[in-house]
């Protein structure tokens, strides 16, 4: 026989039995269980030392663990997808490398053009300043 409150197995001859007016029988292993259920009106699933509480707790822990496990594969899949995209980008970069020498040549040509333009501008600026100096000296 089992205690109606804590769920502990009761030895024969040591239990106390309470039968309600409706005919329901409650078996108690100790006065502690009897007082908690009848006098204090506590629910066994909310009291930590009862079997009902432990069973409910095990169910809650399983639910939490299953949620964590369900969340982990999503993260792993995301990481795998990121790695795949990185690999694809690296491959594309490798494919673009043969075209880079051509780009380098173009860049060098552009730099040379810019340098020549700068030189021409400085020459023009020097000519203008020298002409303006000579005209000013001539007027004096």
C-alpha atoms as a PDB file:
ATOM      1  CA  UNK A   1       0.000   0.000   0.000  1.00  0.00           C
ATOM      2  CA  UNK A   2       1.149   3.549  -0.774  1.00  0.00           C
ATOM      3  CA  UNK A   3       0.830   6.777   1.222  1.00  0.00           C
ATOM      4  CA  UNK A   4      -1.769   9.086  -0.335  1.00  0.00           C
ATOM      5  CA  UNK A   5       0.419  12.143   0.227  1.00  0.00           C
ATOM      6  CA  UNK A   6       4.116  11.264  -0.093  1.00  0.00           C
ATOM      7  CA  UNK A   7       3.835   8.102  -2.191  1.00  0.00           C
ATOM      8  CA  UNK A   8       6.046   6.075   0.135  1.00  0.00           C
ATOM      9  CA  UNK A   9       5.353   2.349   0.516  1.00  0.00           C
ATOM     10  CA  UNK A  10       3.582   1.633   3.839  1.00  0.00           C
ATOM     11  CA  UNK A  11       4.150  -1.506   5.889  1.00  0.00           C
ATOM     12  CA  UNK A  12       1.038  -3.409   6.879  1.00  0.00           C
ATOM     13  CA  UNK A  13      -0.260  -2.487  10.302  1.00  0.00           C
ATOM     14  CA  UNK A  14       1.524   0.883  10.514  1.00  0.00           C
ATOM     15  CA  UNK A  15      -0.793   2.974   8.338  1.00  0.00           C
ATOM     16  CA  UNK A  16      -3.614   5.226   9.364  1.00  0.00           C
ATOM     17  CA  UNK A  17      -6.683   5.254   7.154  1.00  0.00           C
ATOM     18  CA  UNK A  18      -9.171   8.068   6.649  1.00  0.00           C
ATOM     19  CA  UNK A  19     -12.377   7.436   4.749  1.00  0.00           C
ATOM     20  CA  UNK A  20     -14.347  10.485   3.559  1.00  0.00           C
ATOM     21  CA  UNK A  21     -18.137  10.806   3.461  1.00  0.00           C
ATOM     22  CA  UNK A  22     -17.992  10.206  -0.285  1.00  0.00           C
ATOM     23  CA  UNK A  23     -16.260   6.882   0.312  1.00  0.00           C
ATOM     24  CA  UNK A  24     -12.722   7.787  -0.777  1.00  0.00           C
ATOM     25  CA  UNK A  25      -9.982   6.232   1.376  1.00  0.00           C
ATOM     26  CA  UNK A  26      -6.732   8.027   2.209  1.00  0.00           C
ATOM     27  CA  UNK A  27      -3.790   6.024   3.521  1.00  0.00           C
ATOM     28  CA  UNK A  28      -1.071   7.839   5.456  1.00  0.00           C
ATOM     29  CA  UNK A  29       2.367   6.607   6.491  1.00  0.00           C
ATOM     30  CA  UNK A  30       2.793   9.253   9.217  1.00  0.00           C
ATOM     31  CA  UNK A  31       0.992  12.064  10.975  1.00  0.00           C
ATOM     32  CA  UNK A  32       3.218  14.451   9.019  1.00  0.00           C
ATOM     33  CA  UNK A  33       1.609  13.379   5.737  1.00  0.00           C
ATOM     34  CA  UNK A  34      -1.870  13.398   7.266  1.00  0.00           C
ATOM     35  CA  UNK A  35      -1.480  16.952   8.619  1.00  0.00           C
ATOM     36  CA  UNK A  36       0.008  18.253   5.341  1.00  0.00           C
ATOM     37  CA  UNK A  37      -2.884  16.917   3.265  1.00  0.00           C
ATOM     38  CA  UNK A  38      -5.878  17.411   5.576  1.00  0.00           C
ATOM     39  CA  UNK A  39      -5.057  20.226   7.990  1.00  0.00           C
ATOM     40  CA  UNK A  40      -2.703  22.360   5.899  1.00  0.00           C
ATOM     41  CA  UNK A  41      -4.333  21.366   2.583  1.00  0.00           C
ATOM     42  CA  UNK A  42      -1.006  21.173   0.769  1.00  0.00           C
ATOM     43  CA  UNK A  43      -0.712  19.665  -2.682  1.00  0.00           C
ATOM     44  CA  UNK A  44       1.794  16.802  -2.885  1.00  0.00           C
ATOM     45  CA  UNK A  45       3.131  17.973  -6.262  1.00  0.00           C
ATOM     46  CA  UNK A  46       4.323  21.228  -4.651  1.00  0.00           C
ATOM     47  CA  UNK A  47       6.107  19.631  -1.666  1.00  0.00           C
ATOM     48  CA  UNK A  48       9.694  18.663  -2.446  1.00  0.00           C
ATOM     49  CA  UNK A  49       9.920  15.488  -0.375  1.00  0.00           C
ATOM     50  CA  UNK A  50       6.981  13.736  -2.063  1.00  0.00           C
ATOM     51  CA  UNK A  51       7.163  11.205  -4.896  1.00  0.00           C
ATOM     52  CA  UNK A  52       4.655  13.182  -6.959  1.00  0.00           C
ATOM     53  CA  UNK A  53       6.938  16.256  -6.860  1.00  0.00           C
ATOM     54  CA  UNK A  54       9.956  14.190  -7.940  1.00  0.00           C
ATOM     55  CA  UNK A  55       8.020  12.666 -10.847  1.00  0.00           C
ATOM     56  CA  UNK A  56       6.849  16.070 -12.041  1.00  0.00           C
ATOM     57  CA  UNK A  57      10.365  17.479 -11.713  1.00  0.00           C
ATOM     58  CA  UNK A  58      11.751  14.670 -13.869  1.00  0.00           C
ATOM     59  CA  UNK A  59       9.185  15.516 -16.556  1.00  0.00           C
ATOM     60  CA  UNK A  60      10.154  19.208 -16.431  1.00  0.00           C
ATOM     61  CA  UNK A  61      13.860  18.392 -16.724  1.00  0.00           C
ATOM     62  CA  UNK A  62      13.249  16.155 -19.729  1.00  0.00           C
ATOM     63  CA  UNK A  63      11.266  18.923 -21.422  1.00  0.00           C
ATOM     64  CA  UNK A  64      14.050  21.446 -20.804  1.00  0.00           C
ATOM     65  CA  UNK A  65      16.695  19.034 -22.083  1.00  0.00           C
ATOM     66  CA  UNK A  66      14.705  18.330 -25.241  1.00  0.00           C
ATOM     67  CA  UNK A  67      14.361  22.082 -25.891  1.00  0.00           C
ATOM     68  CA  UNK A  68      18.125  22.530 -25.524  1.00  0.00           C
ATOM     69  CA  UNK A  69      18.816  19.615 -27.860  1.00  0.00           C
ATOM     70  CA  UNK A  70      16.390  21.024 -30.406  1.00  0.00           C
ATOM     71  CA  UNK A  71      18.158  24.394 -30.280  1.00  0.00           C
ATOM     72  CA  UNK A  72      21.679  22.973 -30.646  1.00  0.00           C
ATOM     73  CA  UNK A  73      21.294  21.415 -34.124  1.00  0.00           C
ATOM     74  CA  UNK A  74      20.012  24.737 -35.468  1.00  0.00           C
ATOM     75  CA  UNK A  75      23.179  26.428 -34.287  1.00  0.00           C
ATOM     76  CA  UNK A  76      25.327  23.661 -35.738  1.00  0.00           C
ATOM     77  CA  UNK A  77      23.509  23.922 -39.058  1.00  0.00           C
ATOM     78  CA  UNK A  78      24.087  27.676 -39.093  1.00  0.00           C
ATOM     79  CA  UNK A  79      27.798  27.196 -38.418  1.00  0.00           C
ATOM     80  CA  UNK A  80      28.049  24.594 -41.166  1.00  0.00           C
ATOM     81  CA  UNK A  81      26.283  26.937 -43.580  1.00  0.00           C
ATOM     82  CA  UNK A  82      28.697  29.749 -42.669  1.00  0.00           C
ATOM     83  CA  UNK A  83      31.695  27.495 -43.245  1.00  0.00           C
ATOM     84  CA  UNK A  84      30.309  26.432 -46.613  1.00  0.00           C
ATOM     85  CA  UNK A  85      29.789  30.039 -47.662  1.00  0.00           C
ATOM     86  CA  UNK A  86      33.343  30.883 -46.585  1.00  0.00           C
ATOM     87  CA  UNK A  87      34.695  28.003 -48.660  1.00  0.00           C
ATOM     88  CA  UNK A  88      32.705  29.169 -51.660  1.00  0.00           C
ATOM     89  CA  UNK A  89      34.049  32.712 -51.225  1.00  0.00           C
ATOM     90  CA  UNK A  90      37.618  31.401 -51.026  1.00  0.00           C
ATOM     91  CA  UNK A  91      37.126  29.404 -54.211  1.00  0.00           C
ATOM     92  CA  UNK A  92      35.729  32.453 -55.978  1.00  0.00           C
ATOM     93  CA  UNK A  93      38.690  34.500 -54.780  1.00  0.00           C
ATOM     94  CA  UNK A  94      41.085  31.888 -56.163  1.00  0.00           C
ATOM     95  CA  UNK A  95      39.282  31.994 -59.504  1.00  0.00           C
ATOM     96  CA  UNK A  96      39.642  35.786 -59.607  1.00  0.00           C
ATOM     97  CA  UNK A  97      43.406  35.721 -58.980  1.00  0.00           C
ATOM     98  CA  UNK A  98      44.416  35.072 -62.619  1.00  0.00           C
ATOM     99  CA  UNK A  99      42.628  38.294 -63.602  1.00  0.00           C
ATOM    100  CA  UNK A 100      44.492  40.272 -60.927  1.00  0.00           C
ATOM    101  CA  UNK A 101      47.766  40.736 -62.930  1.00  0.00           C
ATOM    102  CA  UNK A 102      45.754  42.491 -65.606  1.00  0.00           C
ATOM    103  CA  UNK A 103      44.197  44.716 -62.959  1.00  0.00           C
ATOM    104  CA  UNK A 104      47.605  45.424 -61.498  1.00  0.00           C
ATOM    105  CA  UNK A 105      48.850  46.544 -64.891  1.00  0.00           C
ATOM    106  CA  UNK A 106      45.826  48.808 -65.270  1.00  0.00           C
ATOM    107  CA  UNK A 107      46.383  50.267 -61.819  1.00  0.00           C
ATOM    108  CA  UNK A 108      50.039  50.953 -62.627  1.00  0.00           C
ATOM    109  CA  UNK A 109      49.067  52.716 -65.828  1.00  0.00           C
ATOM    110  CA  UNK A 110      46.552  54.871 -63.962  1.00  0.00           C
ATOM    111  CA  UNK A 111      49.170  55.799 -61.379  1.00  0.00           C
ATOM    112  CA  UNK A 112      51.603  56.796 -64.124  1.00  0.00           C
ATOM    113  CA  UNK A 113      48.933  58.922 -65.779  1.00  0.00           C
ATOM    114  CA  UNK A 114      48.178  60.653 -62.472  1.00  0.00           C
ATOM    115  CA  UNK A 115      51.864  61.349 -61.914  1.00  0.00           C
ATOM    116  CA  UNK A 116      52.259  62.850 -65.366  1.00  0.00           C
ATOM    117  CA  UNK A 117      49.160  64.980 -64.858  1.00  0.00           C
ATOM    118  CA  UNK A 118      50.555  66.273 -61.555  1.00  0.00           C
ATOM    119  CA  UNK A 119      53.880  67.062 -63.181  1.00  0.00           C
ATOM    120  CA  UNK A 120      52.136  68.971 -65.962  1.00  0.00           C
ATOM    121  CA  UNK A 121      50.080  70.945 -63.462  1.00  0.00           C
ATOM    122  CA  UNK A 122      53.142  71.884 -61.450  1.00  0.00           C
ATOM    123  CA  UNK A 123      54.968  72.957 -64.606  1.00  0.00           C
ATOM    124  CA  UNK A 124      52.018  75.140 -65.626  1.00  0.00           C
ATOM    125  CA  UNK A 125      51.828  76.601 -62.138  1.00  0.00           C
ATOM    126  CA  UNK A 126      55.574  77.377 -62.205  1.00  0.00           C
ATOM    127  CA  UNK A 127      55.271  79.035 -65.620  1.00  0.00           C
ATOM    128  CA  UNK A 128      52.384  81.184 -64.420  1.00  0.00           C
ATOM    129  CA  UNK A 129      54.244  82.272 -61.301  1.00  0.00           C
ATOM    130  CA  UNK A 130      57.413  83.024 -63.241  1.00  0.00           C
ATOM    131  CA  UNK A 131      55.430  84.999 -65.856  1.00  0.00           C
ATOM    132  CA  UNK A 132      53.592  86.964 -63.207  1.00  0.00           C
ATOM    133  CA  UNK A 133      56.910  87.767 -61.451  1.00  0.00           C
ATOM    134  CA  UNK A 134      58.493  88.910 -64.680  1.00  0.00           C
ATOM    135  CA  UNK A 135      55.542  91.136 -65.569  1.00  0.00           C
ATOM    136  CA  UNK A 136      55.557  92.685 -62.113  1.00  0.00           C
ATOM    137  CA  UNK A 137      59.296  93.390 -62.338  1.00  0.00           C
ATOM    138  CA  UNK A 138      58.857  94.890 -65.784  1.00  0.00           C
ATOM    139  CA  UNK A 139      56.198  97.306 -64.540  1.00  0.00           C
ATOM    140  CA  UNK A 140      58.392  98.590 -61.731  1.00  0.00           C
END
